[in-house]
């Protein structure tokens, strides 16, 4: 987990916010508190790693509405829902919509800390995946149009001889393009290259 990961607490109950912040800080986890969803959104920075501990029922924008709003961002903090007994069906819907967990009030300290650690680990994995995909796209952009053609045919399973016939070039030319593709994409093996292409989940132009 990043050393600067922060737990963002959004709850309209001041006592709950303070209790959560003290608990998290007691185990070395930085915490920031917000009294409403709107207050959180005004200061929300998607680049900051962390997770969100969110009350499901608040005046103004509800926890579910905030969760939905954040889901539209490319990167957003994983959500843990805290809820009163009467709000359990709402909390279940939040989990079905992607929340890491829901914790009933009054919450068990260890259960909450366990959920927070899972959420922070999820956030770190997600951000790592985003960085990796950005790097792959950047390397892909460095390929020439011909190198892209060769790469598409390579990952489709064609051998050099067949690629040469397809592009009407010599086999040695294909081998040279293929070597440059592997170098530029930083792929050690064909399986590395295929994994990168598949991870993009989009056709290569």
Protein backbone atom coordinates (compact mmCIF):
# COMPACT_ATOMS: atom_id res chain seq x y z
CA UNK A 1 0.00 0.00 0.00
CA UNK A 2 1.24 3.52 -0.73
CA UNK A 3 2.64 5.25 2.35
CA UNK A 4 0.42 8.26 1.62
CA UNK A 5 -2.85 6.32 1.38
CA UNK A 6 -5.62 8.10 3.27
CA UNK A 7 -8.92 6.90 4.68
CA UNK A 8 -11.64 9.42 3.84
CA UNK A 9 -14.54 9.36 6.33
CA UNK A 10 -17.90 10.81 5.24
CA UNK A 11 -20.58 10.84 7.94
CA UNK A 12 -22.95 13.55 9.15
CA UNK A 13 -22.49 12.40 12.78
CA UNK A 14 -19.54 14.28 14.32
CA UNK A 15 -19.03 11.71 17.07
CA UNK A 16 -18.86 8.87 14.56
CA UNK A 17 -16.37 10.81 12.42
CA UNK A 18 -14.16 11.52 15.39
CA UNK A 19 -14.30 7.94 16.69
CA UNK A 20 -13.40 6.54 13.27
CA UNK A 21 -10.53 8.98 12.79
CA UNK A 22 -9.08 8.17 16.24
CA UNK A 23 -9.34 4.43 15.57
CA UNK A 24 -7.61 4.66 12.21
CA UNK A 25 -4.89 7.01 13.40
CA UNK A 26 -4.23 4.71 16.38
CA UNK A 27 -2.97 2.07 13.91
CA UNK A 28 -1.03 4.56 11.78
CA UNK A 29 -3.62 5.16 9.05
CA UNK A 30 -4.05 8.83 8.04
CA UNK A 31 -7.71 9.88 8.07
CA UNK A 32 -9.64 12.89 6.80
CA UNK A 33 -13.23 13.56 7.81
CA UNK A 34 -16.16 15.16 5.97
CA UNK A 35 -19.62 16.00 7.25
CA UNK A 36 -21.41 15.50 3.93
CA UNK A 37 -21.02 14.01 0.47
CA UNK A 38 -20.91 17.48 -1.06
CA UNK A 39 -18.07 18.53 1.24
CA UNK A 40 -16.11 15.46 0.20
CA UNK A 41 -16.70 16.06 -3.51
CA UNK A 42 -15.49 19.66 -3.23
CA UNK A 43 -12.08 18.36 -2.11
CA UNK A 44 -12.02 15.06 -3.98
CA UNK A 45 -8.78 14.37 -5.83
CA UNK A 46 -8.86 11.08 -7.79
CA UNK A 47 -5.06 11.01 -7.84
CA UNK A 48 -4.87 10.58 -4.06
CA UNK A 49 -4.67 6.92 -3.02
CA UNK A 50 -6.92 5.67 -0.27
CA UNK A 51 -10.41 4.41 0.49
CA UNK A 52 -13.73 5.87 1.55
CA UNK A 53 -15.67 5.01 4.72
CA UNK A 54 -19.14 6.24 3.92
CA UNK A 55 -22.40 6.54 5.85
CA UNK A 56 -25.24 5.26 3.71
CA UNK A 57 -27.90 7.70 4.97
CA UNK A 58 -27.04 11.41 5.19
CA UNK A 59 -28.84 14.73 4.64
CA UNK A 60 -28.49 15.91 1.06
CA UNK A 61 -26.64 13.48 -1.15
CA UNK A 62 -26.86 9.93 0.22
CA UNK A 63 -23.98 7.51 0.47
CA UNK A 64 -25.37 5.50 -2.44
CA UNK A 65 -25.58 8.62 -4.60
CA UNK A 66 -21.99 9.52 -3.76
CA UNK A 67 -20.85 6.00 -4.56
CA UNK A 68 -22.60 6.21 -7.93
CA UNK A 69 -21.05 9.62 -8.65
CA UNK A 70 -17.55 8.36 -7.88
CA UNK A 71 -18.01 5.28 -10.05
CA UNK A 72 -17.95 7.55 -13.12
CA UNK A 73 -14.34 8.54 -12.41
CA UNK A 74 -11.50 6.60 -14.06
CA UNK A 75 -9.90 6.08 -10.67
CA UNK A 76 -11.94 6.30 -7.50
CA UNK A 77 -11.40 5.13 -3.93
CA UNK A 78 -12.95 1.80 -2.91
CA UNK A 79 -15.98 2.30 -0.66
CA UNK A 80 -16.83 0.80 2.72
CA UNK A 81 -20.40 1.46 3.82
CA UNK A 82 -21.29 2.02 7.48
CA UNK A 83 -24.95 1.70 8.29
CA UNK A 84 -27.63 1.56 10.96
CA UNK A 85 -29.69 -1.61 11.33
CA UNK A 86 -32.58 -0.20 9.30
CA UNK A 87 -30.28 0.58 6.39
CA UNK A 88 -28.98 -2.94 5.77
CA UNK A 89 -30.93 -3.48 2.50
CA UNK A 90 -29.45 -0.22 1.19
CA UNK A 91 -25.98 -1.33 2.25
CA UNK A 92 -26.42 -4.64 0.47
CA UNK A 93 -27.28 -2.74 -2.71
CA UNK A 94 -24.12 -0.69 -2.24
CA UNK A 95 -22.03 -3.87 -2.03
CA UNK A 96 -23.73 -5.19 -5.15
CA UNK A 97 -22.72 -1.90 -6.82
CA UNK A 98 -19.07 -2.48 -5.92
CA UNK A 99 -18.59 -1.47 -2.27
CA UNK A 100 -15.90 -3.50 -0.51
CA UNK A 101 -17.99 -4.15 2.60
CA UNK A 102 -20.67 -2.78 4.86
CA UNK A 103 -20.27 -2.42 8.61
CA UNK A 104 -23.21 -2.03 10.97
CA UNK A 105 -23.27 0.60 13.70
CA UNK A 106 -22.13 0.32 16.42
CA UNK A 107 -19.17 -1.09 14.52
CA UNK A 108 -16.61 -3.62 15.66
CA UNK A 109 -13.21 -1.93 15.59
CA UNK A 110 -11.29 -4.90 14.22
CA UNK A 111 -13.90 -5.67 11.57
CA UNK A 112 -13.68 -2.09 10.36
CA UNK A 113 -9.87 -2.10 10.33
CA UNK A 114 -9.84 -5.39 8.39
CA UNK A 115 -12.21 -3.92 5.80
CA UNK A 116 -10.11 -0.76 5.51
CA UNK A 117 -6.94 -2.75 4.88
CA UNK A 118 -8.72 -4.80 2.18
CA UNK A 119 -9.97 -1.61 0.57
CA UNK A 120 -6.52 0.01 0.60
CA UNK A 121 -4.99 -3.11 -0.95
CA UNK A 122 -7.70 -3.05 -3.64
CA UNK A 123 -6.98 0.61 -4.34
CA UNK A 124 -3.24 -0.07 -4.66
CA UNK A 125 -3.89 -2.94 -7.11
CA UNK A 126 -6.30 -0.86 -9.17
CA UNK A 127 -3.91 2.08 -9.39
CA UNK A 128 -1.10 -0.28 -10.35
CA UNK A 129 -3.23 -1.68 -13.17
CA UNK A 130 -4.08 1.81 -14.40
CA UNK A 131 -0.39 2.77 -14.44
CA UNK A 132 0.50 -0.43 -16.26
CA UNK A 133 -2.16 0.14 -18.93
CA UNK A 134 -1.02 3.72 -19.40
CA UNK A 135 2.53 2.47 -19.95
CA UNK A 136 1.38 -0.11 -22.50
CA UNK A 137 -0.59 2.53 -24.43
CA UNK A 138 2.41 4.85 -24.37
CA UNK A 139 4.68 2.13 -25.76
CA UNK A 140 2.05 1.22 -28.34
CA UNK A 141 1.97 4.83 -29.52
CA UNK A 142 5.73 4.63 -30.17
CA UNK A 143 5.24 1.96 -32.88
CA UNK A 144 5.26 2.91 -36.54
CA UNK A 145 2.19 2.01 -38.62
CA UNK A 146 4.09 -0.94 -40.17
CA UNK A 147 5.20 -2.17 -36.74
CA UNK A 148 1.58 -2.06 -35.59
CA UNK A 149 0.55 -4.14 -38.60
CA UNK A 150 3.23 -6.70 -37.82
CA UNK A 151 2.29 -6.81 -34.15
CA UNK A 152 -1.41 -7.39 -34.94
CA UNK A 153 -0.50 -10.31 -37.18
CA UNK A 154 2.01 -11.71 -34.69
CA UNK A 155 -0.50 -11.76 -31.83
CA UNK A 156 -3.12 -13.29 -34.13
CA UNK A 157 -0.87 -16.33 -34.35
CA UNK A 158 0.68 -15.97 -37.82
CA UNK A 159 4.27 -17.07 -38.37
CA UNK A 160 6.86 -14.76 -39.93
CA UNK A 161 6.58 -16.44 -43.33
CA UNK A 162 2.80 -15.97 -43.39
CA UNK A 163 3.10 -12.35 -42.22
CA UNK A 164 5.61 -11.67 -45.01
CA UNK A 165 3.14 -13.03 -47.57
CA UNK A 166 0.28 -11.04 -46.04
CA UNK A 167 2.22 -7.76 -46.17
CA UNK A 168 4.09 -8.57 -49.40
CA UNK A 169 7.51 -8.04 -47.82
CA UNK A 170 10.50 -10.29 -47.22
CA UNK A 171 10.67 -12.56 -44.21
CA UNK A 172 13.81 -10.79 -43.00
CA UNK A 173 11.90 -7.49 -43.04
CA UNK A 174 9.19 -9.04 -40.90
CA UNK A 175 11.80 -10.38 -38.49
CA UNK A 176 13.34 -6.91 -38.17
CA UNK A 177 9.94 -5.28 -37.53
CA UNK A 178 9.07 -8.01 -35.05
CA UNK A 179 12.30 -7.46 -33.14
CA UNK A 180 11.64 -3.72 -32.93
CA UNK A 181 8.08 -4.36 -31.74
CA UNK A 182 9.33 -6.60 -28.95
CA UNK A 183 11.95 -4.03 -27.97
CA UNK A 184 9.61 -1.03 -28.01
CA UNK A 185 6.84 -2.87 -26.17
CA UNK A 186 9.37 -4.19 -23.63
CA UNK A 187 8.11 -7.73 -24.19
CA UNK A 188 10.53 -10.54 -23.43
CA UNK A 189 8.36 -13.25 -24.97
CA UNK A 190 5.42 -13.58 -27.34
CA UNK A 191 3.19 -14.38 -24.35
CA UNK A 192 4.26 -11.06 -22.76
CA UNK A 193 3.22 -9.23 -25.92
CA UNK A 194 -0.11 -11.06 -26.12
CA UNK A 195 -0.83 -10.31 -22.45
CA UNK A 196 -0.25 -6.60 -23.07
CA UNK A 197 -2.53 -6.52 -26.11
CA UNK A 198 -5.27 -8.46 -24.32
CA UNK A 199 -5.07 -6.21 -21.27
CA UNK A 200 -6.09 -3.22 -23.42
CA UNK A 201 -9.48 -4.83 -24.08
CA UNK A 202 -9.75 -2.85 -27.29
CA UNK A 203 -8.76 -3.47 -30.93
CA UNK A 204 -5.41 -2.11 -32.07
CA UNK A 205 -5.88 0.40 -34.88
